[in-house]
């Protein structure tokens, strides 16, 4: 039970943070909410969440494969993960979401097409792996003592967090309608960027404090 309580908040947070940045997939979901309605946009988000889940599985497999190395170098891995988050946070803070408007224009005719296009657009950016590795390292998400069912719950929780984000963003955009503009997207990106940078700083401080207490 303690391990499940350890997994749930971290998995949900990782799922939300992976999905939250307003890149091409975020712009596509917003465009489809405004032009086609909430559910086509939500199915696009489901496709993106499935793609993120695939990358999370790859990350988790690699981390599990090098468990001994992780245990021996936990401090440096957490610090590197925090640096990755900080760099990604700075990138988001400076990013102009309008550049994603043209690249996000992918057509589809049904919910499954919406889902497939969301999956392919997200999967076409393997650089997300570095972000996921940073999140896994920062949250120390995969523990050596995890059993098979812990891994199942962990990845299901990440997927749930991603779905919650897409459900929330499509609901919000559908409610606000045309009041969503480029300036508000910039604000969202900057808030997320500051949040990630703050988490990175806290991660470095906590890692160093843990090292001193050992």
C-alpha atoms as a PDB file:
ATOM      1  CA  UNK A   1       0.000   0.000   0.000  1.00  0.00           C
ATOM      2  CA  UNK A   2       2.850   2.401   0.807  1.00  0.00           C
ATOM      3  CA  UNK A   3       4.341   1.839  -2.633  1.00  0.00           C
ATOM      4  CA  UNK A   4       0.998   2.461  -4.308  1.00  0.00           C
ATOM      5  CA  UNK A   5       0.669   5.725  -2.384  1.00  0.00           C
ATOM      6  CA  UNK A   6       4.192   6.537  -3.556  1.00  0.00           C
ATOM      7  CA  UNK A   7       3.286   5.806  -7.191  1.00  0.00           C
ATOM      8  CA  UNK A   8      -0.110   7.516  -7.557  1.00  0.00           C
ATOM      9  CA  UNK A   9       0.724  11.225  -7.053  1.00  0.00           C
ATOM     10  CA  UNK A  10       4.019  10.931  -8.940  1.00  0.00           C
ATOM     11  CA  UNK A  11       2.444   9.079 -11.860  1.00  0.00           C
ATOM     12  CA  UNK A  12      -0.384  11.589 -12.176  1.00  0.00           C
ATOM     13  CA  UNK A  13       2.080  14.502 -12.014  1.00  0.00           C
ATOM     14  CA  UNK A  14       4.314  12.952 -14.698  1.00  0.00           C
ATOM     15  CA  UNK A  15       1.308  12.308 -16.959  1.00  0.00           C
ATOM     16  CA  UNK A  16       0.128  15.908 -16.641  1.00  0.00           C
ATOM     17  CA  UNK A  17       3.600  17.442 -17.058  1.00  0.00           C
ATOM     18  CA  UNK A  18       4.364  15.395 -20.177  1.00  0.00           C
ATOM     19  CA  UNK A  19       1.125  16.561 -21.807  1.00  0.00           C
ATOM     20  CA  UNK A  20       0.995  20.154 -20.589  1.00  0.00           C
ATOM     21  CA  UNK A  21       3.538  22.014 -22.804  1.00  0.00           C
ATOM     22  CA  UNK A  22       1.836  23.870 -25.656  1.00  0.00           C
ATOM     23  CA  UNK A  23       3.744  22.361 -28.586  1.00  0.00           C
ATOM     24  CA  UNK A  24       2.283  21.149 -31.912  1.00  0.00           C
ATOM     25  CA  UNK A  25       0.032  18.553 -30.257  1.00  0.00           C
ATOM     26  CA  UNK A  26      -1.345  21.092 -27.795  1.00  0.00           C
ATOM     27  CA  UNK A  27      -2.073  23.499 -30.626  1.00  0.00           C
ATOM     28  CA  UNK A  28      -3.730  20.725 -32.631  1.00  0.00           C
ATOM     29  CA  UNK A  29      -5.995  19.801 -29.711  1.00  0.00           C
ATOM     30  CA  UNK A  30      -6.989  23.444 -29.223  1.00  0.00           C
ATOM     31  CA  UNK A  31      -7.636  23.908 -32.954  1.00  0.00           C
ATOM     32  CA  UNK A  32      -9.813  20.812 -33.111  1.00  0.00           C
ATOM     33  CA  UNK A  33     -11.738  21.840 -30.014  1.00  0.00           C
ATOM     34  CA  UNK A  34     -12.564  25.173 -31.666  1.00  0.00           C
ATOM     35  CA  UNK A  35     -13.224  23.826 -35.178  1.00  0.00           C
ATOM     36  CA  UNK A  36     -14.574  20.278 -34.688  1.00  0.00           C
ATOM     37  CA  UNK A  37     -15.717  20.105 -31.079  1.00  0.00           C
ATOM     38  CA  UNK A  38     -14.542  18.723 -27.780  1.00  0.00           C
ATOM     39  CA  UNK A  39     -14.620  14.981 -28.460  1.00  0.00           C
ATOM     40  CA  UNK A  40     -12.537  14.930 -31.672  1.00  0.00           C
ATOM     41  CA  UNK A  41      -9.992  17.030 -29.778  1.00  0.00           C
ATOM     42  CA  UNK A  42     -10.107  14.700 -26.764  1.00  0.00           C
ATOM     43  CA  UNK A  43      -9.492  11.658 -28.969  1.00  0.00           C
ATOM     44  CA  UNK A  44      -6.512  13.515 -30.415  1.00  0.00           C
ATOM     45  CA  UNK A  45      -5.280  13.861 -26.831  1.00  0.00           C
ATOM     46  CA  UNK A  46      -5.831  10.137 -26.251  1.00  0.00           C
ATOM     47  CA  UNK A  47      -3.551   9.423 -29.207  1.00  0.00           C
ATOM     48  CA  UNK A  48      -0.926  11.752 -27.767  1.00  0.00           C
ATOM     49  CA  UNK A  49      -1.253  10.067 -24.358  1.00  0.00           C
ATOM     50  CA  UNK A  50      -0.736   6.636 -25.951  1.00  0.00           C
ATOM     51  CA  UNK A  51       2.408   7.878 -27.673  1.00  0.00           C
ATOM     52  CA  UNK A  52       3.709   9.318 -24.399  1.00  0.00           C
ATOM     53  CA  UNK A  53       2.949   5.988 -22.729  1.00  0.00           C
ATOM     54  CA  UNK A  54       5.095   4.173 -25.299  1.00  0.00           C
ATOM     55  CA  UNK A  55       7.999   6.511 -24.585  1.00  0.00           C
ATOM     56  CA  UNK A  56       7.447   6.104 -20.839  1.00  0.00           C
ATOM     57  CA  UNK A  57       7.591   2.319 -21.216  1.00  0.00           C
ATOM     58  CA  UNK A  58      10.863   2.630 -23.125  1.00  0.00           C
ATOM     59  CA  UNK A  59      12.243   4.931 -20.449  1.00  0.00           C
ATOM     60  CA  UNK A  60      11.096   2.674 -17.621  1.00  0.00           C
ATOM     61  CA  UNK A  61      12.567  -0.390 -19.297  1.00  0.00           C
ATOM     62  CA  UNK A  62      15.931   1.315 -19.714  1.00  0.00           C
ATOM     63  CA  UNK A  63      15.920   2.543 -16.113  1.00  0.00           C
ATOM     64  CA  UNK A  64      14.979  -0.911 -14.831  1.00  0.00           C
ATOM     65  CA  UNK A  65      17.711  -2.448 -16.971  1.00  0.00           C
ATOM     66  CA  UNK A  66      20.391  -0.306 -15.326  1.00  0.00           C
ATOM     67  CA  UNK A  67      19.023  -0.475 -11.779  1.00  0.00           C
ATOM     68  CA  UNK A  68      22.438  -1.191 -10.246  1.00  0.00           C
ATOM     69  CA  UNK A  69      23.958   1.863 -11.892  1.00  0.00           C
ATOM     70  CA  UNK A  70      21.049   4.015 -10.735  1.00  0.00           C
ATOM     71  CA  UNK A  71      21.433   2.886  -7.126  1.00  0.00           C
ATOM     72  CA  UNK A  72      25.155   3.650  -7.211  1.00  0.00           C
ATOM     73  CA  UNK A  73      24.765   7.074  -8.816  1.00  0.00           C
ATOM     74  CA  UNK A  74      21.364   8.218  -7.547  1.00  0.00           C
ATOM     75  CA  UNK A  75      22.549  11.705  -6.573  1.00  0.00           C
ATOM     76  CA  UNK A  76      24.107  12.533  -9.925  1.00  0.00           C
ATOM     77  CA  UNK A  77      21.140  11.082 -11.822  1.00  0.00           C
ATOM     78  CA  UNK A  78      18.683  13.207  -9.834  1.00  0.00           C
ATOM     79  CA  UNK A  79      20.800  16.305 -10.417  1.00  0.00           C
ATOM     80  CA  UNK A  80      21.088  15.593 -14.161  1.00  0.00           C
ATOM     81  CA  UNK A  81      17.330  14.980 -14.299  1.00  0.00           C
ATOM     82  CA  UNK A  82      16.727  18.307 -12.575  1.00  0.00           C
ATOM     83  CA  UNK A  83      19.040  20.056 -15.058  1.00  0.00           C
ATOM     84  CA  UNK A  84      17.080  18.524 -17.945  1.00  0.00           C
ATOM     85  CA  UNK A  85      13.837  19.807 -16.414  1.00  0.00           C
ATOM     86  CA  UNK A  86      15.336  23.262 -15.905  1.00  0.00           C
ATOM     87  CA  UNK A  87      16.540  23.400 -19.511  1.00  0.00           C
ATOM     88  CA  UNK A  88      13.125  22.303 -20.775  1.00  0.00           C
ATOM     89  CA  UNK A  89      11.455  24.875 -18.508  1.00  0.00           C
ATOM     90  CA  UNK A  90      13.624  27.679 -19.955  1.00  0.00           C
ATOM     91  CA  UNK A  91      12.850  26.425 -23.464  1.00  0.00           C
ATOM     92  CA  UNK A  92       9.094  26.524 -22.798  1.00  0.00           C
ATOM     93  CA  UNK A  93       9.303  29.958 -21.181  1.00  0.00           C
ATOM     94  CA  UNK A  94      10.974  31.366 -24.301  1.00  0.00           C
ATOM     95  CA  UNK A  95       8.966  29.355 -26.851  1.00  0.00           C
ATOM     96  CA  UNK A  96       6.471  31.112 -29.117  1.00  0.00           C
ATOM     97  CA  UNK A  97       3.484  28.753 -29.524  1.00  0.00           C
ATOM     98  CA  UNK A  98       2.424  30.449 -32.782  1.00  0.00           C
ATOM     99  CA  UNK A  99       5.234  28.567 -34.541  1.00  0.00           C
ATOM    100  CA  UNK A 100       3.294  25.361 -33.910  1.00  0.00           C
ATOM    101  CA  UNK A 101       0.144  26.583 -35.630  1.00  0.00           C
ATOM    102  CA  UNK A 102       1.072  25.453 -39.148  1.00  0.00           C
ATOM    103  CA  UNK A 103       2.732  22.192 -38.114  1.00  0.00           C
ATOM    104  CA  UNK A 104      -0.336  21.217 -36.107  1.00  0.00           C
ATOM    105  CA  UNK A 105      -2.683  21.266 -39.091  1.00  0.00           C
ATOM    106  CA  UNK A 106      -3.399  17.536 -39.578  1.00  0.00           C
ATOM    107  CA  UNK A 107      -6.691  16.434 -41.097  1.00  0.00           C
ATOM    108  CA  UNK A 108      -8.813  13.490 -40.019  1.00  0.00           C
ATOM    109  CA  UNK A 109     -12.385  12.382 -40.548  1.00  0.00           C
ATOM    110  CA  UNK A 110     -13.342  10.385 -37.437  1.00  0.00           C
ATOM    111  CA  UNK A 111     -12.457   9.765 -33.798  1.00  0.00           C
ATOM    112  CA  UNK A 112     -10.016   6.969 -34.653  1.00  0.00           C
ATOM    113  CA  UNK A 113      -8.393   9.192 -37.247  1.00  0.00           C
ATOM    114  CA  UNK A 114      -8.145  11.955 -34.656  1.00  0.00           C
ATOM    115  CA  UNK A 115      -6.549   9.499 -32.226  1.00  0.00           C
ATOM    116  CA  UNK A 116      -4.107   8.203 -34.853  1.00  0.00           C
ATOM    117  CA  UNK A 117      -3.031  11.689 -35.908  1.00  0.00           C
ATOM    118  CA  UNK A 118      -2.464  12.676 -32.274  1.00  0.00           C
ATOM    119  CA  UNK A 119      -0.359   9.547 -31.755  1.00  0.00           C
ATOM    120  CA  UNK A 120       1.730  10.065 -34.894  1.00  0.00           C
ATOM    121  CA  UNK A 121       2.329  13.767 -34.273  1.00  0.00           C
ATOM    122  CA  UNK A 122       3.511  13.101 -30.725  1.00  0.00           C
ATOM    123  CA  UNK A 123       5.503   9.978 -31.614  1.00  0.00           C
ATOM    124  CA  UNK A 124       7.341  11.892 -34.351  1.00  0.00           C
ATOM    125  CA  UNK A 125       9.177  13.854 -31.635  1.00  0.00           C
ATOM    126  CA  UNK A 126      11.547  11.371 -29.934  1.00  0.00           C
ATOM    127  CA  UNK A 127      13.212  14.239 -28.054  1.00  0.00           C
ATOM    128  CA  UNK A 128      10.367  13.853 -25.557  1.00  0.00           C
ATOM    129  CA  UNK A 129      12.379  10.894 -24.243  1.00  0.00           C
ATOM    130  CA  UNK A 130      14.874  13.273 -22.640  1.00  0.00           C
ATOM    131  CA  UNK A 131      12.041  15.111 -20.905  1.00  0.00           C
ATOM    132  CA  UNK A 132      10.541  11.847 -19.655  1.00  0.00           C
ATOM    133  CA  UNK A 133      13.934  10.639 -18.419  1.00  0.00           C
ATOM    134  CA  UNK A 134      14.297  13.928 -16.545  1.00  0.00           C
ATOM    135  CA  UNK A 135      10.869  13.512 -14.943  1.00  0.00           C
ATOM    136  CA  UNK A 136      11.504   9.888 -13.987  1.00  0.00           C
ATOM    137  CA  UNK A 137      14.850  10.817 -12.461  1.00  0.00           C
ATOM    138  CA  UNK A 138      13.473  13.880 -10.681  1.00  0.00           C
ATOM    139  CA  UNK A 139      10.579  11.946  -9.122  1.00  0.00           C
ATOM    140  CA  UNK A 140      12.699   8.805  -8.581  1.00  0.00           C
ATOM    141  CA  UNK A 141       9.710   7.079 -10.124  1.00  0.00           C
ATOM    142  CA  UNK A 142      10.908   3.535 -10.863  1.00  0.00           C
ATOM    143  CA  UNK A 143      12.171   1.812  -7.710  1.00  0.00           C
ATOM    144  CA  UNK A 144      14.212  -1.426  -7.743  1.00  0.00           C
ATOM    145  CA  UNK A 145      11.783  -3.160  -5.371  1.00  0.00           C
ATOM    146  CA  UNK A 146       8.781  -2.637  -7.668  1.00  0.00           C
ATOM    147  CA  UNK A 147       6.856  -5.784  -8.543  1.00  0.00           C
ATOM    148  CA  UNK A 148       5.175  -6.363 -11.891  1.00  0.00           C
ATOM    149  CA  UNK A 149       1.841  -4.992 -10.687  1.00  0.00           C
ATOM    150  CA  UNK A 150       3.572  -1.848  -9.396  1.00  0.00           C
ATOM    151  CA  UNK A 151       4.835  -1.181 -12.921  1.00  0.00           C
ATOM    152  CA  UNK A 152       1.344  -1.748 -14.341  1.00  0.00           C
ATOM    153  CA  UNK A 153      -0.151   0.702 -11.845  1.00  0.00           C
ATOM    154  CA  UNK A 154       2.666   3.195 -12.461  1.00  0.00           C
ATOM    155  CA  UNK A 155       2.161   3.392 -16.217  1.00  0.00           C
ATOM    156  CA  UNK A 156      -1.629   3.292 -15.907  1.00  0.00           C
ATOM    157  CA  UNK A 157      -1.371   6.275 -13.553  1.00  0.00           C
ATOM    158  CA  UNK A 158       0.800   8.201 -16.025  1.00  0.00           C
ATOM    159  CA  UNK A 159      -1.738   7.507 -18.772  1.00  0.00           C
ATOM    160  CA  UNK A 160      -4.562   8.612 -16.464  1.00  0.00           C
ATOM    161  CA  UNK A 161      -2.732  11.861 -15.663  1.00  0.00           C
ATOM    162  CA  UNK A 162      -2.311  12.576 -19.371  1.00  0.00           C
ATOM    163  CA  UNK A 163      -6.004  11.865 -20.037  1.00  0.00           C
ATOM    164  CA  UNK A 164      -7.018  14.150 -17.179  1.00  0.00           C
ATOM    165  CA  UNK A 165      -4.956  16.936 -18.713  1.00  0.00           C
ATOM    166  CA  UNK A 166      -6.493  16.535 -22.177  1.00  0.00           C
ATOM    167  CA  UNK A 167      -9.983  16.216 -20.735  1.00  0.00           C
ATOM    168  CA  UNK A 168      -9.446  19.389 -18.719  1.00  0.00           C
ATOM    169  CA  UNK A 169      -7.903  21.412 -21.551  1.00  0.00           C
ATOM    170  CA  UNK A 170     -10.611  20.450 -24.059  1.00  0.00           C
ATOM    171  CA  UNK A 171     -13.301  21.278 -21.515  1.00  0.00           C
ATOM    172  CA  UNK A 172     -11.693  24.662 -20.779  1.00  0.00           C
ATOM    173  CA  UNK A 173     -11.167  25.591 -24.429  1.00  0.00           C
ATOM    174  CA  UNK A 174     -14.680  24.454 -25.317  1.00  0.00           C
ATOM    175  CA  UNK A 175     -16.057  26.687 -22.556  1.00  0.00           C
ATOM    176  CA  UNK A 176     -13.949  29.740 -23.403  1.00  0.00           C
ATOM    177  CA  UNK A 177     -14.305  29.336 -27.174  1.00  0.00           C
ATOM    178  CA  UNK A 178     -12.767  32.128 -29.205  1.00  0.00           C
ATOM    179  CA  UNK A 179     -11.442  33.892 -26.113  1.00  0.00           C
ATOM    180  CA  UNK A 180      -8.444  31.527 -26.314  1.00  0.00           C
ATOM    181  CA  UNK A 181      -5.660  33.428 -28.106  1.00  0.00           C
ATOM    182  CA  UNK A 182      -1.925  33.306 -28.686  1.00  0.00           C
ATOM    183  CA  UNK A 183      -1.204  35.480 -25.657  1.00  0.00           C
ATOM    184  CA  UNK A 184      -2.989  33.061 -23.335  1.00  0.00           C
ATOM    185  CA  UNK A 185      -1.002  30.159 -24.835  1.00  0.00           C
ATOM    186  CA  UNK A 186       2.228  32.034 -24.166  1.00  0.00           C
ATOM    187  CA  UNK A 187       1.150  32.538 -20.564  1.00  0.00           C
ATOM    188  CA  UNK A 188       0.398  28.816 -20.195  1.00  0.00           C
ATOM    189  CA  UNK A 189       3.830  27.914 -21.570  1.00  0.00           C
ATOM    190  CA  UNK A 190       5.563  30.383 -19.278  1.00  0.00           C
ATOM    191  CA  UNK A 191       3.719  29.128 -16.205  1.00  0.00           C
ATOM    192  CA  UNK A 192       4.630  25.537 -17.057  1.00  0.00           C
ATOM    193  CA  UNK A 193       8.225  26.578 -17.761  1.00  0.00           C
ATOM    194  CA  UNK A 194       8.517  28.322 -14.397  1.00  0.00           C
ATOM    195  CA  UNK A 195       6.937  25.324 -12.673  1.00  0.00           C
ATOM    196  CA  UNK A 196       9.447  22.938 -14.242  1.00  0.00           C
ATOM    197  CA  UNK A 197      12.372  25.220 -13.423  1.00  0.00           C
ATOM    198  CA  UNK A 198      11.150  25.500  -9.819  1.00  0.00           C
ATOM    199  CA  UNK A 199      10.849  21.723  -9.573  1.00  0.00           C
ATOM    200  CA  UNK A 200      14.378  21.399 -10.936  1.00  0.00           C
ATOM    201  CA  UNK A 201      15.804  23.741  -8.307  1.00  0.00           C
ATOM    202  CA  UNK A 202      13.929  21.890  -5.558  1.00  0.00           C
ATOM    203  CA  UNK A 203      15.199  18.594  -6.965  1.00  0.00           C
ATOM    204  CA  UNK A 204      18.837  19.675  -6.776  1.00  0.00           C
ATOM    205  CA  UNK A 205      18.409  21.053  -3.244  1.00  0.00           C
ATOM    206  CA  UNK A 206      16.591  17.939  -1.989  1.00  0.00           C
ATOM    207  CA  UNK A 207      19.154  15.615  -3.604  1.00  0.00           C
ATOM    208  CA  UNK A 208      22.005  17.478  -1.932  1.00  0.00           C
ATOM    209  CA  UNK A 209      20.215  17.491   1.435  1.00  0.00           C
ATOM    210  CA  UNK A 210      19.549  13.765   1.186  1.00  0.00           C
ATOM    211  CA  UNK A 211      23.222  13.229   0.434  1.00  0.00           C
ATOM    212  CA  UNK A 212      24.251  15.177   3.530  1.00  0.00           C
ATOM    213  CA  UNK A 213      21.839  13.238   5.744  1.00  0.00           C
ATOM    214  CA  UNK A 214      23.155   9.868   4.547  1.00  0.00           C
END
